[in-house]
């Protein structure tokens, strides 16, 4: 193994860990939007229903493009 290969392993591992940290932070931020301790807590049911409508609209647009 040459020096370049030896340097890639820790770099790749650190990059993977940073990407994992970003992913976890993103999920935590999203969950916080609905957390009971959040003073600006979003209504889960309302948000879900809004997403259902958006999903239906997108599906309809896809169907129209396929015709």
N, C-alpha and C. Protein backbone atom coordinates (compact mmCIF):
# COMPACT_ATOMS: atom_id res chain seq x y z
N UNK A 1 0.86 -1.17 0.00
CA UNK A 1 0.00 0.00 0.00
C UNK A 1 0.90 1.23 0.00
N UNK A 2 0.63 2.16 -0.90
CA UNK A 2 1.46 3.37 -0.94
C UNK A 2 0.86 4.45 -0.04
N UNK A 3 1.57 5.55 0.07
CA UNK A 3 1.16 6.63 0.99
C UNK A 3 -0.21 7.20 0.60
N UNK A 4 -0.46 7.34 -0.69
CA UNK A 4 -1.75 7.88 -1.13
C UNK A 4 -2.89 6.98 -0.68
N UNK A 5 -2.74 5.68 -0.82
CA UNK A 5 -3.78 4.75 -0.39
C UNK A 5 -3.96 4.80 1.13
N UNK A 6 -2.86 4.93 1.86
CA UNK A 6 -2.95 5.00 3.32
C UNK A 6 -3.68 6.27 3.76
N UNK A 7 -3.49 7.36 3.03
CA UNK A 7 -4.15 8.62 3.38
C UNK A 7 -5.63 8.59 3.01
N UNK A 8 -6.01 7.83 1.98
CA UNK A 8 -7.40 7.78 1.54
C UNK A 8 -8.30 7.09 2.56
N UNK A 9 -7.78 6.09 3.24
CA UNK A 9 -8.61 5.33 4.20
C UNK A 9 -9.10 6.23 5.32
N UNK A 10 -8.22 6.95 6.05
CA UNK A 10 -8.73 7.83 7.10
C UNK A 10 -9.60 8.96 6.53
N UNK A 11 -9.23 9.49 5.36
CA UNK A 11 -10.02 10.56 4.76
C UNK A 11 -11.42 10.07 4.44
N UNK A 12 -11.51 8.89 3.81
CA UNK A 12 -12.82 8.33 3.48
C UNK A 12 -13.63 8.03 4.74
N UNK A 13 -12.98 7.51 5.75
CA UNK A 13 -13.68 7.21 7.01
C UNK A 13 -14.19 8.49 7.66
N UNK A 14 -13.34 9.53 7.66
CA UNK A 14 -13.75 10.81 8.24
C UNK A 14 -14.88 11.42 7.43
N UNK A 15 -14.80 11.33 6.11
CA UNK A 15 -15.85 11.85 5.25
C UNK A 15 -17.17 11.12 5.51
N UNK A 16 -17.09 9.80 5.63
CA UNK A 16 -18.29 9.01 5.93
C UNK A 16 -18.90 9.42 7.27
N UNK A 17 -18.05 9.63 8.26
CA UNK A 17 -18.55 10.04 9.59
C UNK A 17 -19.18 11.42 9.54
N UNK A 18 -18.58 12.34 8.80
CA UNK A 18 -19.15 13.69 8.66
C UNK A 18 -20.49 13.61 7.94
N UNK A 19 -20.57 12.79 6.90
CA UNK A 19 -21.85 12.61 6.19
C UNK A 19 -22.91 12.01 7.11
N UNK A 20 -22.52 11.05 7.95
CA UNK A 20 -23.44 10.47 8.92
C UNK A 20 -23.93 11.52 9.90
N UNK A 21 -23.00 12.36 10.37
CA UNK A 21 -23.36 13.43 11.31
C UNK A 21 -24.35 14.40 10.68
N UNK A 22 -24.12 14.77 9.44
CA UNK A 22 -25.03 15.67 8.74
C UNK A 22 -26.40 15.03 8.59
N UNK A 23 -26.43 13.75 8.24
CA UNK A 23 -27.71 13.05 8.07
C UNK A 23 -28.48 12.99 9.38
N UNK A 24 -27.80 12.66 10.48
CA UNK A 24 -28.45 12.60 11.79
C UNK A 24 -28.97 13.98 12.19
N UNK A 25 -28.17 15.00 11.97
CA UNK A 25 -28.58 16.37 12.31
C UNK A 25 -29.81 16.79 11.52
N UNK A 26 -29.85 16.41 10.25
CA UNK A 26 -31.00 16.75 9.41
C UNK A 26 -32.27 16.08 9.93
N UNK A 27 -32.17 14.81 10.30
CA UNK A 27 -33.34 14.09 10.83
C UNK A 27 -33.77 14.71 12.15
N UNK A 28 -32.80 15.05 13.01
CA UNK A 28 -33.13 15.66 14.30
C UNK A 28 -33.86 16.99 14.11
N UNK A 29 -33.40 17.80 13.15
CA UNK A 29 -34.05 19.07 12.87
C UNK A 29 -35.49 18.86 12.41
N UNK A 30 -35.69 17.85 11.57
CA UNK A 30 -37.04 17.57 11.07
C UNK A 30 -37.94 17.09 12.21
N UNK A 31 -37.43 16.21 13.03
CA UNK A 31 -38.22 15.69 14.16
C UNK A 31 -38.53 16.81 15.16
N UNK A 32 -37.61 17.72 15.35
CA UNK A 32 -37.82 18.83 16.30
C UNK A 32 -39.03 19.67 15.89
N UNK A 33 -39.30 19.74 14.61
CA UNK A 33 -40.46 20.52 14.16
C UNK A 33 -41.75 20.01 14.80
N UNK A 34 -41.79 18.72 15.17
CA UNK A 34 -43.00 18.10 15.70
C UNK A 34 -42.88 17.72 17.18
N UNK A 35 -41.74 18.01 17.77
CA UNK A 35 -41.47 17.60 19.16
C UNK A 35 -42.35 18.39 20.14
N UNK A 36 -42.89 17.69 21.15
CA UNK A 36 -43.77 18.37 22.12
C UNK A 36 -43.09 19.51 22.89
N UNK A 37 -41.77 19.46 23.05
CA UNK A 37 -41.06 20.53 23.76
C UNK A 37 -40.78 21.75 22.90
N UNK A 38 -41.05 21.65 21.61
CA UNK A 38 -40.82 22.76 20.70
C UNK A 38 -41.98 23.75 20.84
N UNK A 39 -41.69 24.99 21.24
CA UNK A 39 -42.78 25.96 21.40
C UNK A 39 -43.47 26.31 20.07
N UNK A 40 -42.80 26.05 18.97
CA UNK A 40 -43.39 26.31 17.65
C UNK A 40 -43.74 24.99 16.95
N UNK A 41 -44.14 24.01 17.73
CA UNK A 41 -44.42 22.66 17.25
C UNK A 41 -45.45 22.68 16.12
N UNK A 42 -45.17 21.91 15.07
CA UNK A 42 -46.09 21.77 13.94
C UNK A 42 -47.11 20.67 14.26
N UNK A 43 -48.28 20.79 13.69
CA UNK A 43 -49.33 19.79 13.84
C UNK A 43 -49.05 18.65 12.86
N UNK A 44 -48.72 17.48 13.38
CA UNK A 44 -48.34 16.33 12.56
C UNK A 44 -49.45 15.96 11.58
N UNK A 45 -50.66 15.92 12.03
CA UNK A 45 -51.78 15.51 11.18
C UNK A 45 -51.97 16.50 10.03
N UNK A 46 -51.92 17.77 10.34
CA UNK A 46 -52.08 18.80 9.32
C UNK A 46 -50.95 18.72 8.29
N UNK A 47 -49.72 18.57 8.76
CA UNK A 47 -48.57 18.47 7.87
C UNK A 47 -48.67 17.24 6.99
N UNK A 48 -49.08 16.12 7.58
CA UNK A 48 -49.22 14.87 6.82
C UNK A 48 -50.28 15.01 5.73
N UNK A 49 -51.40 15.60 6.09
CA UNK A 49 -52.48 15.80 5.11
C UNK A 49 -52.04 16.71 3.97
N UNK A 50 -51.25 17.71 4.30
CA UNK A 50 -50.72 18.61 3.27
C UNK A 50 -49.79 17.83 2.33
N UNK A 51 -48.96 16.96 2.90
CA UNK A 51 -48.06 16.15 2.07
C UNK A 51 -48.85 15.18 1.19
N UNK A 52 -49.94 14.62 1.71
CA UNK A 52 -50.79 13.74 0.90
C UNK A 52 -51.33 14.49 -0.32
N UNK A 53 -51.76 15.73 -0.11
CA UNK A 53 -52.28 16.53 -1.22
C UNK A 53 -51.18 16.80 -2.24
N UNK A 54 -50.00 17.19 -1.77
CA UNK A 54 -48.88 17.46 -2.67
C UNK A 54 -48.52 16.20 -3.46
N UNK A 55 -48.49 15.07 -2.76
CA UNK A 55 -48.18 13.79 -3.41
C UNK A 55 -49.19 13.50 -4.51
N UNK A 56 -50.47 13.68 -4.22
CA UNK A 56 -51.51 13.46 -5.21
C UNK A 56 -51.37 14.38 -6.41
N UNK A 57 -51.05 15.65 -6.15
CA UNK A 57 -50.85 16.61 -7.24
C UNK A 57 -49.69 16.18 -8.14
N UNK A 58 -48.59 15.73 -7.53
CA UNK A 58 -47.42 15.30 -8.30
C UNK A 58 -47.76 14.05 -9.12
N UNK A 59 -48.46 13.11 -8.50
CA UNK A 59 -48.86 11.90 -9.21
C UNK A 59 -49.75 12.24 -10.40
N UNK A 60 -50.65 13.19 -10.23
CA UNK A 60 -51.53 13.62 -11.33
C UNK A 60 -50.72 14.24 -12.46
N UNK A 61 -49.74 15.07 -12.11
CA UNK A 61 -48.90 15.68 -13.13
C UNK A 61 -48.11 14.63 -13.91
N UNK A 62 -47.60 13.63 -13.19
CA UNK A 62 -46.85 12.54 -13.84
C UNK A 62 -47.76 11.80 -14.79
N UNK A 63 -48.96 11.51 -14.34
CA UNK A 63 -49.93 10.78 -15.17
C UNK A 63 -50.26 11.57 -16.44
N UNK A 64 -50.40 12.87 -16.30
CA UNK A 64 -50.71 13.71 -17.46
C UNK A 64 -49.55 13.73 -18.45
N UNK A 65 -48.33 13.71 -17.96
CA UNK A 65 -47.16 13.71 -18.84
C UNK A 65 -47.02 12.39 -19.59
N UNK A 66 -47.50 11.31 -18.96
CA UNK A 66 -47.38 10.00 -19.57
C UNK A 66 -48.38 9.72 -20.67
N UNK A 67 -49.35 10.58 -20.83
CA UNK A 67 -50.40 10.34 -21.83
C UNK A 67 -49.97 10.75 -23.22
